[in-house]
Amino acid sequence: MKNVLVVGHCDLDNPQITSLIEKNFSANVTRLKQSKKTLEYLGKQDYDLVIINRIGAFDQESGLELIKKIKEDGRFKVPLMMVTNYKDQMDKAVEIGAVPGYGKDRLHDKDTIELLSKYLSK
């Protein structure tokens, strides 16, 4: 079974992301509201994918800054994926080391499931 950490998503988006993952993959989803605890969570358990919101819904932290922080830490080799509808933000995330992500407006698209399958299929 795969493990996914979902960081910074609001109470509307998180259940949709969780449902999409759990219905299409053999995966456990852990929700983290506060991005400042991400390194702590990554240190306690191995994850196969971390899905990061562009702006944390509960702490307003930048997803780009979180990606930088995880990459600079150097201990974790987990794929980091940003969720944003803004192409420029997605491009910046990839530039700093994230894998290509998807926009919230494409959550239920076939392409999103194919994208996630790169990290969550057996």
N, C-alpha and C. Protein backbone atom coordinates (compact mmCIF):
# COMPACT_ATOMS: atom_id res chain seq x y z
N MET A 1 0.83 -1.17 0.00
CA MET A 1 0.00 0.00 0.00
C MET A 1 0.88 1.24 0.00
N LYS A 2 0.53 2.22 -0.81
CA LYS A 2 1.26 3.48 -0.92
C LYS A 2 0.78 4.44 0.16
N ASN A 3 1.65 5.41 0.49
CA ASN A 3 1.31 6.44 1.47
C ASN A 3 1.46 7.81 0.82
N VAL A 4 0.43 8.64 1.00
CA VAL A 4 0.40 9.97 0.42
C VAL A 4 0.19 10.99 1.54
N LEU A 5 0.97 12.05 1.53
CA LEU A 5 0.79 13.15 2.46
C LEU A 5 0.22 14.33 1.68
N VAL A 6 -0.93 14.82 2.12
CA VAL A 6 -1.62 15.94 1.47
C VAL A 6 -1.50 17.14 2.40
N VAL A 7 -0.85 18.20 1.92
CA VAL A 7 -0.49 19.34 2.77
C VAL A 7 -1.19 20.63 2.35
N GLY A 8 -1.89 21.25 3.30
CA GLY A 8 -2.39 22.60 3.13
C GLY A 8 -3.69 22.78 2.39
N HIS A 9 -4.40 21.72 2.13
CA HIS A 9 -5.65 21.83 1.37
C HIS A 9 -6.83 22.12 2.30
N CYS A 10 -7.78 22.87 1.80
CA CYS A 10 -8.93 23.29 2.59
C CYS A 10 -9.90 22.12 2.82
N ASP A 11 -10.91 22.40 3.63
CA ASP A 11 -11.88 21.37 3.98
C ASP A 11 -12.75 20.94 2.82
N LEU A 12 -12.78 21.70 1.75
CA LEU A 12 -13.51 21.31 0.56
C LEU A 12 -12.64 20.45 -0.37
N ASP A 13 -11.41 20.88 -0.59
CA ASP A 13 -10.53 20.19 -1.53
C ASP A 13 -9.95 18.90 -0.98
N ASN A 14 -9.59 18.88 0.28
CA ASN A 14 -8.95 17.70 0.85
C ASN A 14 -9.79 16.43 0.68
N PRO A 15 -11.08 16.44 1.03
CA PRO A 15 -11.87 15.21 0.84
C PRO A 15 -11.94 14.76 -0.61
N GLN A 16 -11.95 15.72 -1.54
CA GLN A 16 -12.00 15.36 -2.95
C GLN A 16 -10.69 14.70 -3.40
N ILE A 17 -9.56 15.25 -2.96
CA ILE A 17 -8.26 14.67 -3.29
C ILE A 17 -8.13 13.29 -2.67
N THR A 18 -8.51 13.18 -1.41
CA THR A 18 -8.43 11.90 -0.70
C THR A 18 -9.29 10.85 -1.38
N SER A 19 -10.51 11.22 -1.71
CA SER A 19 -11.43 10.29 -2.37
C SER A 19 -10.88 9.83 -3.72
N LEU A 20 -10.37 10.76 -4.51
CA LEU A 20 -9.79 10.42 -5.81
C LEU A 20 -8.67 9.40 -5.66
N ILE A 21 -7.79 9.63 -4.71
CA ILE A 21 -6.66 8.73 -4.51
C ILE A 21 -7.12 7.38 -3.99
N GLU A 22 -7.97 7.38 -2.98
CA GLU A 22 -8.40 6.11 -2.38
C GLU A 22 -9.26 5.27 -3.32
N LYS A 23 -10.02 5.90 -4.21
CA LYS A 23 -10.86 5.16 -5.15
C LYS A 23 -10.05 4.57 -6.31
N ASN A 24 -8.92 5.21 -6.65
CA ASN A 24 -8.17 4.79 -7.83
C ASN A 24 -6.88 4.06 -7.54
N PHE A 25 -6.43 4.10 -6.29
CA PHE A 25 -5.14 3.49 -5.95
C PHE A 25 -5.23 2.80 -4.59
N SER A 26 -4.33 1.88 -4.39
CA SER A 26 -4.19 1.25 -3.08
C SER A 26 -3.27 2.15 -2.26
N ALA A 27 -3.88 3.13 -1.60
CA ALA A 27 -3.09 4.15 -0.91
C ALA A 27 -3.79 4.66 0.34
N ASN A 28 -2.98 4.96 1.33
CA ASN A 28 -3.44 5.65 2.54
C ASN A 28 -3.10 7.12 2.39
N VAL A 29 -4.04 7.98 2.73
CA VAL A 29 -3.83 9.42 2.64
C VAL A 29 -3.79 10.01 4.05
N THR A 30 -2.75 10.77 4.32
CA THR A 30 -2.62 11.49 5.58
C THR A 30 -2.77 12.97 5.27
N ARG A 31 -3.62 13.64 6.03
CA ARG A 31 -3.84 15.07 5.84
C ARG A 31 -3.01 15.86 6.85
N LEU A 32 -2.41 16.92 6.35
CA LEU A 32 -1.65 17.83 7.21
C LEU A 32 -2.12 19.25 6.89
N LYS A 33 -2.75 19.89 7.86
CA LYS A 33 -3.28 21.24 7.64
C LYS A 33 -2.17 22.30 7.67
N GLN A 34 -1.21 22.15 8.56
CA GLN A 34 -0.16 23.14 8.76
C GLN A 34 1.12 22.70 8.05
N SER A 35 1.59 23.50 7.12
CA SER A 35 2.79 23.11 6.37
C SER A 35 4.04 23.06 7.24
N LYS A 36 4.07 23.81 8.34
CA LYS A 36 5.26 23.83 9.18
C LYS A 36 5.58 22.48 9.82
N LYS A 37 4.62 21.57 9.81
CA LYS A 37 4.84 20.24 10.39
C LYS A 37 5.25 19.20 9.35
N THR A 38 5.42 19.61 8.11
CA THR A 38 5.69 18.67 7.03
C THR A 38 6.99 17.89 7.26
N LEU A 39 8.07 18.57 7.60
CA LEU A 39 9.35 17.86 7.82
C LEU A 39 9.23 16.86 8.96
N GLU A 40 8.48 17.21 9.99
CA GLU A 40 8.25 16.29 11.11
C GLU A 40 7.53 15.03 10.63
N TYR A 41 6.50 15.20 9.83
CA TYR A 41 5.76 14.05 9.29
C TYR A 41 6.64 13.20 8.38
N LEU A 42 7.41 13.86 7.52
CA LEU A 42 8.30 13.13 6.61
C LEU A 42 9.36 12.35 7.38
N GLY A 43 9.75 12.84 8.54
CA GLY A 43 10.74 12.16 9.36
C GLY A 43 10.19 10.96 10.10
N LYS A 44 8.88 10.91 10.26
CA LYS A 44 8.25 9.83 11.02
C LYS A 44 7.78 8.66 10.16
N GLN A 45 7.52 8.92 8.90
CA GLN A 45 6.96 7.88 8.02
C GLN A 45 7.44 8.10 6.60
N ASP A 46 7.57 7.01 5.85
CA ASP A 46 7.92 7.11 4.43
C ASP A 46 6.65 7.36 3.62
N TYR A 47 6.73 8.31 2.74
CA TYR A 47 5.61 8.62 1.83
C TYR A 47 6.07 8.40 0.40
N ASP A 48 5.11 8.02 -0.43
CA ASP A 48 5.38 7.80 -1.84
C ASP A 48 5.13 9.05 -2.68
N LEU A 49 4.37 9.99 -2.10
CA LEU A 49 4.04 11.23 -2.78
C LEU A 49 3.58 12.25 -1.75
N VAL A 50 4.00 13.51 -1.93
CA VAL A 50 3.50 14.61 -1.11
C VAL A 50 2.81 15.58 -2.06
N ILE A 51 1.53 15.86 -1.79
CA ILE A 51 0.73 16.76 -2.62
C ILE A 51 0.55 18.06 -1.84
N ILE A 52 1.09 19.14 -2.37
CA ILE A 52 1.17 20.41 -1.66
C ILE A 52 0.30 21.46 -2.35
N ASN A 53 -0.51 22.14 -1.56
CA ASN A 53 -1.32 23.23 -2.09
C ASN A 53 -0.45 24.45 -2.37
N ARG A 54 -0.80 25.23 -3.37
CA ARG A 54 -0.03 26.42 -3.73
C ARG A 54 0.08 27.38 -2.54
N ILE A 55 -1.03 27.59 -1.85
CA ILE A 55 -1.07 28.41 -0.65
C ILE A 55 -1.81 27.61 0.41
N GLY A 56 -1.17 27.40 1.56
CA GLY A 56 -1.81 26.64 2.63
C GLY A 56 -3.11 27.28 3.07
N ALA A 57 -4.18 26.52 3.10
CA ALA A 57 -5.50 27.04 3.44
C ALA A 57 -5.59 27.47 4.90
N PHE A 58 -4.80 26.87 5.76
CA PHE A 58 -4.93 27.15 7.19
C PHE A 58 -3.82 28.04 7.74
N ASP A 59 -2.68 28.09 7.07
CA ASP A 59 -1.57 28.92 7.56
C ASP A 59 -1.07 29.93 6.53
N GLN A 60 -1.66 29.91 5.33
CA GLN A 60 -1.29 30.83 4.25
C GLN A 60 0.18 30.74 3.85
N GLU A 61 0.82 29.61 4.13
CA GLU A 61 2.22 29.41 3.77
C GLU A 61 2.33 29.08 2.27
N SER A 62 3.39 29.50 1.67
CA SER A 62 3.65 29.27 0.26
C SER A 62 4.06 27.82 0.01
N GLY A 63 3.38 27.19 -0.93
CA GLY A 63 3.77 25.85 -1.34
C GLY A 63 5.15 25.82 -1.96
N LEU A 64 5.50 26.87 -2.68
CA LEU A 64 6.84 26.95 -3.27
C LEU A 64 7.91 26.99 -2.18
N GLU A 65 7.67 27.74 -1.13
CA GLU A 65 8.63 27.81 -0.02
C GLU A 65 8.75 26.47 0.68
N LEU A 66 7.64 25.76 0.80
CA LEU A 66 7.68 24.43 1.42
C LEU A 66 8.50 23.46 0.57
N ILE A 67 8.31 23.50 -0.73
CA ILE A 67 9.09 22.64 -1.63
C ILE A 67 10.58 22.95 -1.47
N LYS A 68 10.94 24.24 -1.46
CA LYS A 68 12.34 24.63 -1.27
C LYS A 68 12.89 24.09 0.05
N LYS A 69 12.11 24.23 1.08
CA LYS A 69 12.53 23.81 2.43
C LYS A 69 12.80 22.30 2.46
N ILE A 70 11.91 21.52 1.86
CA ILE A 70 12.09 20.07 1.84
C ILE A 70 13.32 19.70 1.01
N LYS A 71 13.47 20.34 -0.15
CA LYS A 71 14.62 20.06 -1.01
C LYS A 71 15.93 20.45 -0.33
N GLU A 72 15.95 21.59 0.33
CA GLU A 72 17.16 22.05 1.02
C GLU A 72 17.52 21.15 2.19
N ASP A 73 16.52 20.57 2.83
CA ASP A 73 16.77 19.67 3.97
C ASP A 73 17.60 18.47 3.52
N GLY A 74 17.26 17.92 2.34
CA GLY A 74 18.06 16.86 1.74
C GLY A 74 17.84 15.45 2.25
N ARG A 75 17.08 15.26 3.30
CA ARG A 75 16.87 13.91 3.84
C ARG A 75 15.82 13.11 3.09
N PHE A 76 14.94 13.78 2.38
CA PHE A 76 13.77 13.11 1.83
C PHE A 76 13.81 13.08 0.31
N LYS A 77 13.62 11.91 -0.25
CA LYS A 77 13.67 11.73 -1.71
C LYS A 77 12.28 11.52 -2.30
N VAL A 78 11.27 11.88 -1.55
CA VAL A 78 9.88 11.70 -1.96
C VAL A 78 9.51 12.71 -3.06
N PRO A 79 8.72 12.28 -4.05
CA PRO A 79 8.23 13.23 -5.06
C PRO A 79 7.29 14.25 -4.41
N LEU A 80 7.50 15.52 -4.75
CA LEU A 80 6.68 16.62 -4.26
C LEU A 80 5.86 17.14 -5.43
N MET A 81 4.55 17.26 -5.25
CA MET A 81 3.66 17.67 -6.33
C MET A 81 2.81 18.85 -5.87
N MET A 82 2.86 19.94 -6.61
CA MET A 82 2.04 21.10 -6.27
C MET A 82 0.71 21.04 -7.00
N VAL A 83 -0.33 21.48 -6.31
CA VAL A 83 -1.65 21.62 -6.91
C VAL A 83 -1.92 23.11 -7.09
N THR A 84 -2.07 23.52 -8.32
CA THR A 84 -2.38 24.93 -8.63
C THR A 84 -2.95 25.03 -10.04
N ASN A 85 -3.84 26.00 -10.21
CA ASN A 85 -4.36 26.30 -11.54
C ASN A 85 -3.48 27.29 -12.29
N TYR A 86 -2.45 27.81 -11.62
CA TYR A 86 -1.59 28.83 -12.21
C TYR A 86 -0.34 28.20 -12.82
N LYS A 87 -0.26 28.27 -14.16
CA LYS A 87 0.86 27.66 -14.87
C LYS A 87 2.21 28.20 -14.42
N ASP A 88 2.31 29.51 -14.18
CA ASP A 88 3.59 30.08 -13.76
C ASP A 88 4.04 29.51 -12.41
N GLN A 89 3.09 29.28 -11.52
CA GLN A 89 3.42 28.70 -10.22
C GLN A 89 3.83 27.24 -10.36
N MET A 90 3.15 26.53 -11.25
CA MET A 90 3.51 25.12 -11.50
C MET A 90 4.91 25.05 -12.10
N ASP A 91 5.19 25.93 -13.04
CA ASP A 91 6.51 25.96 -13.65
C ASP A 91 7.60 26.23 -12.62
N LYS A 92 7.34 27.17 -11.71
CA LYS A 92 8.31 27.48 -10.65
C LYS A 92 8.51 26.28 -9.74
N ALA A 93 7.42 25.58 -9.41
CA ALA A 93 7.52 24.40 -8.55
C ALA A 93 8.42 23.35 -9.20
N VAL A 94 8.23 23.12 -10.48
CA VAL A 94 9.04 22.13 -11.20
C VAL A 94 10.50 22.60 -11.26
N GLU A 95 10.71 23.88 -11.48
CA GLU A 95 12.07 24.44 -11.53
C GLU A 95 12.85 24.18 -10.24
N ILE A 96 12.15 24.20 -9.11
CA ILE A 96 12.84 24.03 -7.83
C ILE A 96 12.83 22.59 -7.34
N GLY A 97 12.33 21.68 -8.17
CA GLY A 97 12.47 20.28 -7.84
C GLY A 97 11.20 19.46 -7.66
N ALA A 98 10.05 20.07 -7.82
CA ALA A 98 8.80 19.30 -7.73
C ALA A 98 8.57 18.52 -9.03
N VAL A 99 7.75 17.50 -8.94
CA VAL A 99 7.31 16.79 -10.14
C VAL A 99 6.10 17.56 -10.69
N PRO A 100 5.80 17.44 -11.97
CA PRO A 100 4.63 18.13 -12.51
C PRO A 100 3.36 17.73 -11.76
N GLY A 101 2.54 18.72 -11.46
CA GLY A 101 1.30 18.48 -10.74
C GLY A 101 0.09 18.73 -11.62
N TYR A 102 -0.99 19.11 -10.98
CA TYR A 102 -2.24 19.34 -11.69
C TYR A 102 -2.97 20.53 -11.05
N GLY A 103 -3.94 21.04 -11.77
CA GLY A 103 -4.76 22.14 -11.26
C GLY A 103 -6.00 21.59 -10.58
N LYS A 104 -6.51 22.35 -9.63
CA LYS A 104 -7.73 21.93 -8.95
C LYS A 104 -8.88 21.76 -9.92
N ASP A 105 -8.87 22.55 -10.99
CA ASP A 105 -9.93 22.46 -11.98
C ASP A 105 -9.83 21.17 -12.81
N ARG A 106 -8.76 20.43 -12.64
CA ARG A 106 -8.57 19.18 -13.39
C ARG A 106 -8.51 17.96 -12.48
N LEU A 107 -9.01 18.12 -11.27
CA LEU A 107 -8.91 17.05 -10.28
C LEU A 107 -9.51 15.74 -10.78
N HIS A 108 -10.64 15.80 -11.46
CA HIS A 108 -11.32 14.57 -11.86
C HIS A 108 -11.04 14.16 -13.31
N ASP A 109 -10.09 14.81 -13.94
CA ASP A 109 -9.73 14.46 -15.31
C ASP A 109 -8.95 13.15 -15.36
N LYS A 110 -9.11 12.45 -16.45
CA LYS A 110 -8.37 11.22 -16.69
C LYS A 110 -6.86 11.47 -16.62
N ASP A 111 -6.42 12.62 -17.12
CA ASP A 111 -4.99 12.96 -17.11
C ASP A 111 -4.43 13.05 -15.70
N THR A 112 -5.24 13.52 -14.76
CA THR A 112 -4.79 13.63 -13.37
C THR A 112 -4.58 12.24 -12.77
N ILE A 113 -5.48 11.34 -13.05
CA ILE A 113 -5.34 9.97 -12.55
C ILE A 113 -4.10 9.32 -13.17
N GLU A 114 -3.86 9.55 -14.46
CA GLU A 114 -2.66 9.02 -15.10
C GLU A 114 -1.40 9.62 -14.48
N LEU A 115 -1.44 10.91 -14.18
CA LEU A 115 -0.30 11.57 -13.55
C LEU A 115 -0.02 10.96 -12.18
N LEU A 116 -1.05 10.81 -11.38
CA LEU A 116 -0.89 10.22 -10.04
C LEU A 116 -0.43 8.76 -10.11
N SER A 117 -0.84 8.06 -11.15
CA SER A 117 -0.47 6.65 -11.27
C SER A 117 1.04 6.45 -11.41
N LYS A 118 1.76 7.47 -11.89
CA LYS A 118 3.21 7.37 -11.98
C LYS A 118 3.84 7.15 -10.61
N TYR A 119 3.17 7.61 -9.57
CA TYR A 119 3.71 7.55 -8.22
C TYR A 119 2.95 6.59 -7.31
N LEU A 120 1.73 6.24 -7.68
CA LEU A 120 0.89 5.47 -6.78
C LEU A 120 0.50 4.08 -7.27
N SER A 121 0.85 3.76 -8.50
CA SER A 121 0.58 2.40 -8.98
C SER A 121 1.67 1.47 -8.44
N LYS A 122 1.29 0.21 -8.35
CA LYS A 122 2.24 -0.77 -7.78
C LYS A 122 3.40 -1.00 -8.69
